[in-house]
């Protein structure tokens, strides 16, 4: 990358999200806001849609960082949101559109050519990269290789503008100090393993396979483990949480498995665990796998999207087939019975996280991209104005 001119004012960046819930996209935004030098990069956030039942946790976390989320679109129609964004985005150098938010493109098309900011699309799922036009996209950032490749296929002649920047983890949030407290809170007895699942309760994440595997472990190794599901319901499918609770009750897991809902202390809870299971089908790069690595946990996972970039089977985790709870249970029983294996896998995943996903390794890539695109946009807008001058 060529040297960029020194700016007198910070690069103004606006993140536009379809919605704010609790997930990898929101965690990435929070960590980026904490990591960037606010004198060089000034970041604001606007969210476009709100549905009853969506949690407030991310709004509160961003407010604690001094970032007040612009919620104006929550009360506007789609057309009025487009008009609002067209006016608002004119005050920024770079716009980052997340979750395939549909309002940004029509808003850009309404703006005067000389006033348009640079546009970065950020995708956490392959389906997001395949959605919507790309002719105004200056850079597409996917969190894993499959998403980047899907975006590149939609940008012929500009494939180089499809980038891969993985989700980041703040390693300072993960330490051994709270392990005993977390385990005591969850009623884990001496000698028991605590096996966790963390994420939003979305059907594509196949939480029922975790519940069924827990039932098999409890049958074959009574009292050897306790299980926790950390995460609240997806507001688009709230009934799924109730189905999972009923499934656990029917399997006789009332004492062995706890549903904790959304928690702001996920790093603390991971620090109290002995292993994590992640059994999704249709994800991008699961942020929680990197978080598990930061906590030095072994992970039992399905091969899904970016998980194959995060885990090497038998080295930094164990892969299992999709939708096969007996295979999941066998892998968990193997980990329960072999503390040295747990330690070896967890240490290898931690090393991967330190090298590739730590805030220090990732935030600087975002900062450089903001600087490069802001300069490009300013130069392009200046050329348009010069061409129009009499």
Protein backbone atom coordinates (compact mmCIF):
# COMPACT_ATOMS: atom_id res chain seq x y z
CA UNK A 1 0.00 0.00 0.00
CA UNK A 2 1.41 3.38 -0.96
CA UNK A 3 2.03 6.09 1.61
CA UNK A 4 -1.04 8.20 2.38
CA UNK A 5 -1.07 11.93 2.99
CA UNK A 6 -1.35 13.15 6.57
CA UNK A 7 -4.87 14.41 7.29
CA UNK A 8 -5.63 17.45 9.42
CA UNK A 9 -8.94 15.97 10.61
CA UNK A 10 -9.93 12.42 11.55
CA UNK A 11 -11.43 10.11 8.97
CA UNK A 12 -15.17 10.16 9.57
CA UNK A 13 -16.65 6.66 9.42
CA UNK A 14 -20.33 5.74 9.63
CA UNK A 15 -21.35 2.15 10.35
CA UNK A 16 -24.84 1.43 9.02
CA UNK A 17 -26.35 -1.76 10.39
CA UNK A 18 -29.61 -3.43 9.48
CA UNK A 19 -30.19 -4.02 13.20
CA UNK A 20 -28.33 -4.29 16.48
CA UNK A 21 -28.66 -7.56 18.37
CA UNK A 22 -26.00 -9.66 20.14
CA UNK A 23 -23.61 -11.34 17.73
CA UNK A 24 -20.28 -11.37 15.96
CA UNK A 25 -20.96 -8.24 13.91
CA UNK A 26 -21.84 -6.25 17.02
CA UNK A 27 -18.83 -7.58 18.93
CA UNK A 28 -16.56 -6.65 16.02
CA UNK A 29 -17.91 -3.10 16.02
CA UNK A 30 -17.49 -2.74 19.78
CA UNK A 31 -13.89 -3.97 19.72
CA UNK A 32 -13.01 -1.79 16.74
CA UNK A 33 -14.37 1.27 18.52
CA UNK A 34 -12.24 0.48 21.54
CA UNK A 35 -9.11 -0.17 19.52
CA UNK A 36 -9.02 2.73 17.08
CA UNK A 37 -7.42 6.06 17.86
CA UNK A 38 -10.41 8.42 17.99
CA UNK A 39 -8.20 11.34 16.99
CA UNK A 40 -7.55 9.59 13.66
CA UNK A 41 -10.85 7.79 13.10
CA UNK A 42 -14.19 9.16 14.30
CA UNK A 43 -16.86 6.45 14.17
CA UNK A 44 -20.62 6.84 14.42
CA UNK A 45 -23.32 4.18 14.22
CA UNK A 46 -26.83 4.15 12.80
CA UNK A 47 -29.18 1.16 12.89
CA UNK A 48 -32.11 0.89 10.50
CA UNK A 49 -34.56 -1.61 11.92
CA UNK A 50 -35.92 -2.58 15.31
CA UNK A 51 -38.21 -5.46 16.19
CA UNK A 52 -39.82 -6.20 19.56
CA UNK A 53 -37.72 -8.64 21.52
CA UNK A 54 -34.38 -7.49 20.19
CA UNK A 55 -31.94 -7.07 23.11
CA UNK A 56 -30.60 -3.72 24.29
CA UNK A 57 -27.21 -5.11 25.28
CA UNK A 58 -25.23 -3.80 22.30
CA UNK A 59 -26.82 -0.34 22.54
CA UNK A 60 -25.72 -0.20 26.18
CA UNK A 61 -22.19 -1.42 25.42
CA UNK A 62 -21.70 1.14 22.67
CA UNK A 63 -23.08 3.91 24.89
CA UNK A 64 -20.50 2.93 27.53
CA UNK A 65 -17.83 3.59 24.88
CA UNK A 66 -19.24 7.05 24.24
CA UNK A 67 -21.02 6.07 21.02
CA UNK A 68 -24.71 6.84 20.89
CA UNK A 69 -26.46 4.79 18.25
CA UNK A 70 -28.62 6.86 15.92
CA UNK A 71 -32.00 5.13 16.19
CA UNK A 72 -33.94 7.58 14.02
CA UNK A 73 -34.68 4.98 11.30
CA UNK A 74 -36.47 2.77 13.86
CA UNK A 75 -39.45 5.10 13.44
CA UNK A 76 -39.21 5.65 9.68
CA UNK A 77 -40.50 3.82 6.64
CA UNK A 78 -37.99 2.31 4.22
CA UNK A 79 -38.30 5.25 1.82
CA UNK A 80 -37.93 7.77 4.61
CA UNK A 81 -34.90 5.87 5.93
CA UNK A 82 -33.30 6.05 2.48
CA UNK A 83 -33.86 9.81 2.37
CA UNK A 84 -32.52 10.19 5.92
CA UNK A 85 -29.37 8.21 5.14
CA UNK A 86 -28.76 10.13 1.90
CA UNK A 87 -28.58 13.31 3.92
CA UNK A 88 -26.65 11.83 6.84
CA UNK A 89 -23.98 10.01 4.82
CA UNK A 90 -22.90 13.23 3.12
CA UNK A 91 -21.08 14.13 6.33
CA UNK A 92 -18.75 11.09 6.26
CA UNK A 93 -15.65 9.98 4.42
CA UNK A 94 -16.39 6.25 4.63
CA UNK A 95 -19.60 4.28 5.14
CA UNK A 96 -19.50 0.66 6.30
CA UNK A 97 -22.71 -1.19 5.41
CA UNK A 98 -23.25 -4.31 7.51
CA UNK A 99 -25.63 -7.28 7.36
CA UNK A 100 -26.51 -6.55 3.70
CA UNK A 101 -28.51 -3.55 4.90
CA UNK A 102 -30.79 -2.68 1.95
CA UNK A 103 -31.14 1.05 2.63
CA UNK A 104 -27.59 2.16 1.79
CA UNK A 105 -27.45 1.66 -1.99
CA UNK A 106 -30.60 3.64 -2.83
CA UNK A 107 -29.41 6.34 -0.44
CA UNK A 108 -26.04 6.59 -2.22
CA UNK A 109 -27.76 6.74 -5.59
CA UNK A 110 -29.73 9.79 -4.40
CA UNK A 111 -26.60 11.66 -3.37
CA UNK A 112 -24.70 14.08 -5.55
CA UNK A 113 -21.73 12.32 -7.12
CA UNK A 114 -19.25 14.74 -5.57
CA UNK A 115 -20.65 14.15 -2.07
CA UNK A 116 -20.57 10.36 -1.96
CA UNK A 117 -18.43 8.71 0.71
CA UNK A 118 -16.43 5.57 0.04
CA UNK A 119 -18.51 2.44 0.61
CA UNK A 120 -17.30 -0.68 2.40
CA UNK A 121 -19.66 -3.63 2.62
CA UNK A 122 -19.00 -5.97 5.52
CA UNK A 123 -20.29 -9.52 5.29
CA UNK A 124 -20.50 -12.24 7.91
CA UNK A 125 -22.36 -14.75 5.72
CA UNK A 126 -21.93 -15.94 2.13
CA UNK A 127 -25.58 -15.13 1.44
CA UNK A 128 -24.91 -11.50 2.39
CA UNK A 129 -22.12 -11.25 -0.17
CA UNK A 130 -24.47 -12.56 -2.85
CA UNK A 131 -27.18 -10.02 -2.07
CA UNK A 132 -27.65 -6.62 -3.68
CA UNK A 133 -25.67 -4.64 -6.29
CA UNK A 134 -21.93 -4.01 -6.07
CA UNK A 135 -21.27 -1.23 -8.58
CA UNK A 136 -20.86 1.42 -5.85
CA UNK A 137 -18.94 -0.83 -3.46
CA UNK A 138 -15.35 0.39 -3.08
CA UNK A 139 -14.35 -2.61 -0.97
CA UNK A 140 -16.11 -5.72 0.27
CA UNK A 141 -14.75 -7.16 3.50
CA UNK A 142 -15.68 -10.74 4.32
CA UNK A 143 -14.77 -12.35 7.62
CA UNK A 144 -13.61 -15.56 5.92
CA UNK A 145 -12.32 -16.82 2.59
CA UNK A 146 -15.65 -18.18 1.35
CA UNK A 147 -17.38 -14.82 1.86
CA UNK A 148 -14.55 -12.91 0.21
CA UNK A 149 -14.66 -15.26 -2.78
CA UNK A 150 -18.43 -14.91 -3.10
CA UNK A 151 -18.08 -11.12 -3.15
CA UNK A 152 -15.21 -11.23 -5.64
CA UNK A 153 -17.39 -13.21 -8.05
CA UNK A 154 -19.89 -10.32 -7.93
CA UNK A 155 -17.20 -7.71 -8.71
CA UNK A 156 -15.76 -8.65 -12.14
CA UNK A 157 -12.65 -6.69 -12.95
CA UNK A 158 -12.47 -5.46 -9.34
CA UNK A 159 -11.90 -8.77 -7.57
CA UNK A 160 -8.93 -7.25 -5.76
CA UNK A 161 -11.41 -5.05 -3.91
CA UNK A 162 -12.88 -8.11 -2.18
CA UNK A 163 -10.89 -8.53 1.01
CA UNK A 164 -10.71 -10.94 3.91
CA UNK A 165 -10.42 -9.42 7.39
CA UNK A 166 -11.38 -11.85 10.16
CA UNK A 167 -13.31 -10.96 13.28
CA UNK A 168 -11.11 -9.83 16.16
CA UNK A 169 -10.79 -10.84 19.80
CA UNK A 170 -9.57 -8.72 22.69
CA UNK A 171 -7.26 -11.09 24.53
CA UNK A 172 -7.21 -8.85 27.59
CA UNK A 173 -10.84 -9.85 28.27
CA UNK A 174 -9.81 -13.46 28.80
CA UNK A 175 -7.99 -14.53 31.93
CA UNK A 176 -8.03 -17.34 34.51
CA UNK A 177 -9.05 -15.18 37.45
CA UNK A 178 -12.80 -15.72 37.22
CA UNK A 179 -12.79 -19.46 36.55
CA UNK A 180 -13.71 -20.53 40.07
CA UNK A 181 -16.42 -17.88 40.38
CA UNK A 182 -18.04 -18.77 37.06
CA UNK A 183 -18.08 -22.47 37.90
CA UNK A 184 -19.48 -21.85 41.36
CA UNK A 185 -22.27 -19.70 39.87
CA UNK A 186 -23.21 -22.52 37.51
CA UNK A 187 -23.05 -25.24 40.16
CA UNK A 188 -20.13 -27.17 38.66
CA UNK A 189 -18.77 -29.67 41.14
CA UNK A 190 -15.11 -30.64 41.57
CA UNK A 191 -14.12 -33.11 38.90
CA UNK A 192 -16.95 -32.16 36.55
CA UNK A 193 -16.39 -30.70 33.09
CA UNK A 194 -18.40 -27.70 31.98
CA UNK A 195 -19.32 -27.89 28.30
CA UNK A 196 -20.75 -24.79 26.64
CA UNK A 197 -22.55 -23.54 23.59
CA UNK A 198 -22.58 -19.75 22.93
CA UNK A 199 -24.53 -17.75 20.38
CA UNK A 200 -27.89 -16.39 19.34
CA UNK A 201 -30.59 -19.07 19.29
CA UNK A 202 -30.94 -19.30 15.52
CA UNK A 203 -32.07 -22.54 13.84
CA UNK A 204 -29.08 -22.64 11.48
CA UNK A 205 -26.85 -22.98 14.53
CA UNK A 206 -28.33 -26.44 15.26
CA UNK A 207 -28.51 -26.04 19.03
CA UNK A 208 -30.77 -29.11 19.18
CA UNK A 209 -27.75 -31.22 18.22
CA UNK A 210 -25.93 -29.87 21.28
CA UNK A 211 -28.92 -30.71 23.50
CA UNK A 212 -29.15 -34.23 22.08
CA UNK A 213 -25.40 -34.79 22.46
CA UNK A 214 -25.58 -33.59 26.08
CA UNK A 215 -28.31 -36.17 26.75
CA UNK A 216 -26.09 -38.93 25.34
CA UNK A 217 -23.11 -37.82 27.45
CA UNK A 218 -25.28 -37.67 30.57
CA UNK A 219 -26.51 -41.21 29.83
CA UNK A 220 -23.07 -42.70 29.20
CA UNK A 221 -21.10 -40.75 31.82
CA UNK A 222 -23.54 -39.66 34.55
CA UNK A 223 -22.43 -36.60 36.54
CA UNK A 224 -19.23 -36.24 34.48
CA UNK A 225 -20.31 -32.95 32.92
CA UNK A 226 -22.66 -30.02 33.13
CA UNK A 227 -23.83 -28.12 30.05
CA UNK A 228 -24.75 -24.48 29.41
CA UNK A 229 -26.36 -22.66 26.51
CA UNK A 230 -25.38 -19.00 26.56
CA UNK A 231 -27.43 -16.72 24.33
CA UNK A 232 -30.89 -15.31 23.92
CA UNK A 233 -33.58 -15.98 21.35
CA UNK A 234 -33.42 -14.67 17.82
CA UNK A 235 -36.28 -12.17 17.61
CA UNK A 236 -37.27 -13.57 14.20
CA UNK A 237 -37.76 -17.07 15.65
CA UNK A 238 -38.43 -16.70 19.39
CA UNK A 239 -40.24 -20.03 19.51
CA UNK A 240 -36.94 -21.86 18.92
CA UNK A 241 -35.79 -21.12 22.49
CA UNK A 242 -38.95 -22.72 23.89
CA UNK A 243 -38.50 -25.74 21.63
CA UNK A 244 -34.95 -26.21 22.90
CA UNK A 245 -36.00 -25.92 26.53
CA UNK A 246 -38.73 -28.50 25.99
CA UNK A 247 -36.27 -30.78 24.20
CA UNK A 248 -33.88 -30.60 27.15
CA UNK A 249 -36.71 -31.25 29.61
CA UNK A 250 -37.93 -34.26 27.62
CA UNK A 251 -34.37 -35.63 27.56
CA UNK A 252 -34.16 -35.44 31.35
CA UNK A 253 -31.52 -32.68 31.35
CA UNK A 254 -33.18 -30.35 33.83
CA UNK A 255 -30.28 -30.65 36.29
CA UNK A 256 -27.49 -31.05 33.75
CA UNK A 257 -28.22 -28.28 31.23
CA UNK A 258 -28.86 -24.58 31.91
CA UNK A 259 -30.09 -21.88 29.53
CA UNK A 260 -28.47 -18.60 30.59
CA UNK A 261 -29.89 -16.20 28.00
CA UNK A 262 -27.92 -13.20 26.74
CA UNK A 263 -24.92 -12.41 28.89
CA UNK A 264 -22.50 -9.49 28.80
CA UNK A 265 -19.79 -11.56 30.55
CA UNK A 266 -19.20 -14.20 27.85
CA UNK A 267 -15.38 -14.11 28.29
CA UNK A 268 -15.83 -14.84 32.01
CA UNK A 269 -18.20 -17.71 31.30
CA UNK A 270 -15.87 -19.17 28.66
CA UNK A 271 -13.08 -18.99 31.23
CA UNK A 272 -15.12 -21.29 33.46
CA UNK A 273 -15.68 -23.89 30.74
CA UNK A 274 -13.66 -26.95 29.76
CA UNK A 275 -14.84 -27.22 26.14
CA UNK A 276 -17.12 -25.56 23.61
CA UNK A 277 -19.36 -27.13 20.98
CA UNK A 278 -20.30 -25.32 17.76
CA UNK A 279 -22.47 -27.33 15.38
CA UNK A 280 -23.80 -24.82 12.87
CA UNK A 281 -24.66 -25.22 9.22
CA UNK A 282 -24.56 -22.02 7.15
CA UNK A 283 -22.31 -19.70 9.16
CA UNK A 284 -19.48 -17.43 8.08
CA UNK A 285 -16.57 -17.43 10.49
CA UNK A 286 -17.92 -18.19 13.98
CA UNK A 287 -16.65 -15.45 16.26
CA UNK A 288 -17.22 -17.64 19.30
CA UNK A 289 -14.62 -20.16 18.11
CA UNK A 290 -11.99 -17.43 18.24
CA UNK A 291 -13.30 -16.42 21.67
CA UNK A 292 -13.04 -20.03 22.82
CA UNK A 293 -9.45 -20.06 21.61
CA UNK A 294 -8.75 -16.90 23.57
CA UNK A 295 -10.00 -18.80 26.64
CA UNK A 296 -7.79 -21.79 25.72
CA UNK A 297 -10.75 -24.08 25.19
CA UNK A 298 -10.89 -27.09 22.89
CA UNK A 299 -13.75 -26.85 20.40
CA UNK A 300 -15.91 -29.58 18.91
CA UNK A 301 -17.21 -28.14 15.66
CA UNK A 302 -18.78 -28.87 12.30
CA UNK A 303 -16.94 -27.95 9.11
CA UNK A 304 -18.91 -24.84 8.24
CA UNK A 305 -17.73 -21.72 6.46
CA UNK A 306 -14.73 -20.26 8.20
CA UNK A 307 -14.43 -22.89 10.93
CA UNK A 308 -12.01 -24.81 8.71
CA UNK A 309 -9.75 -21.75 8.68
CA UNK A 310 -9.88 -21.55 12.46
CA UNK A 311 -9.45 -25.20 13.43
CA UNK A 312 -7.08 -27.96 12.35
CA UNK A 313 -8.70 -31.29 13.17
CA UNK A 314 -6.90 -33.06 15.98
CA UNK A 315 -4.50 -30.14 16.43
CA UNK A 316 -6.60 -27.20 17.61
CA UNK A 317 -10.03 -28.79 17.82
CA UNK A 318 -12.16 -31.76 16.77
CA UNK A 319 -14.43 -31.79 13.74
CA UNK A 320 -17.65 -33.80 13.71
CA UNK A 321 -20.20 -34.44 10.95
CA UNK A 322 -23.25 -32.23 10.61
CA UNK A 323 -26.41 -33.24 12.45
CA UNK A 324 -24.91 -36.28 14.17
CA UNK A 325 -25.31 -35.90 17.95
CA UNK A 326 -23.76 -39.35 18.65
CA UNK A 327 -20.53 -38.19 16.99
CA UNK A 328 -20.65 -34.98 19.01
CA UNK A 329 -21.20 -36.95 22.21
CA UNK A 330 -18.26 -39.24 21.38
CA UNK A 331 -15.97 -36.25 20.85
CA UNK A 332 -17.12 -34.63 24.09
CA UNK A 333 -16.63 -37.87 26.04
CA UNK A 334 -13.11 -38.07 24.59
CA UNK A 335 -12.36 -34.57 25.88
CA UNK A 336 -13.98 -35.21 29.26
CA UNK A 337 -11.79 -38.24 29.76
CA UNK A 338 -8.52 -36.67 28.60
CA UNK A 339 -7.53 -33.39 30.30
CA UNK A 340 -4.16 -33.39 28.52
CA UNK A 341 -5.90 -33.48 25.15
CA UNK A 342 -8.12 -30.60 26.23
CA UNK A 343 -5.07 -28.58 27.23
CA UNK A 344 -3.18 -29.37 24.02
CA UNK A 345 -6.05 -28.47 21.69
CA UNK A 346 -6.88 -25.33 23.67
CA UNK A 347 -3.27 -24.14 23.64
CA UNK A 348 -3.01 -24.61 19.87
CA UNK A 349 -6.23 -22.68 19.24
CA UNK A 350 -5.04 -19.90 21.55
CA UNK A 351 -1.84 -19.60 19.50
CA UNK A 352 -3.91 -19.30 16.31
CA UNK A 353 -6.02 -16.54 17.88
CA UNK A 354 -2.96 -14.64 19.11
CA UNK A 355 -1.44 -14.74 15.64
CA UNK A 356 -4.46 -14.03 13.43
CA UNK A 357 -7.42 -12.69 15.41
CA UNK A 358 -6.06 -10.51 18.20
CA UNK A 359 -7.22 -6.88 18.16
CA UNK A 360 -3.67 -5.71 17.52
CA UNK A 361 -3.47 -7.85 14.36
CA UNK A 362 -6.88 -6.91 12.94
CA UNK A 363 -7.77 -3.34 13.93
CA UNK A 364 -4.73 -1.92 12.13
CA UNK A 365 -5.99 -3.47 8.88
CA UNK A 366 -9.31 -1.68 9.28
CA UNK A 367 -7.56 1.60 10.06
CA UNK A 368 -5.40 1.32 6.94
CA UNK A 369 -8.46 0.52 4.80
CA UNK A 370 -10.37 3.53 6.16
CA UNK A 371 -7.42 5.80 5.41
CA UNK A 372 -6.91 4.48 1.89
CA UNK A 373 -10.57 4.67 0.86
CA UNK A 374 -11.13 8.08 2.45
CA UNK A 375 -8.24 9.47 0.41
CA UNK A 376 -9.53 7.83 -2.77
CA UNK A 377 -13.04 9.22 -2.21
CA UNK A 378 -11.73 12.73 -1.51
CA UNK A 379 -9.63 12.67 -4.69
CA UNK A 380 -12.51 11.34 -6.79
CA UNK A 381 -14.92 13.96 -5.44
CA UNK A 382 -12.38 16.72 -6.09
CA UNK A 383 -12.02 15.56 -9.71
CA UNK A 384 -15.81 15.64 -10.16
CA UNK A 385 -16.02 19.17 -8.77
CA UNK A 386 -13.10 20.32 -10.91
CA UNK A 387 -14.68 18.85 -14.03
CA UNK A 388 -17.93 20.68 -13.30
CA UNK A 389 -16.28 24.03 -12.62
CA UNK A 390 -16.69 26.59 -15.44
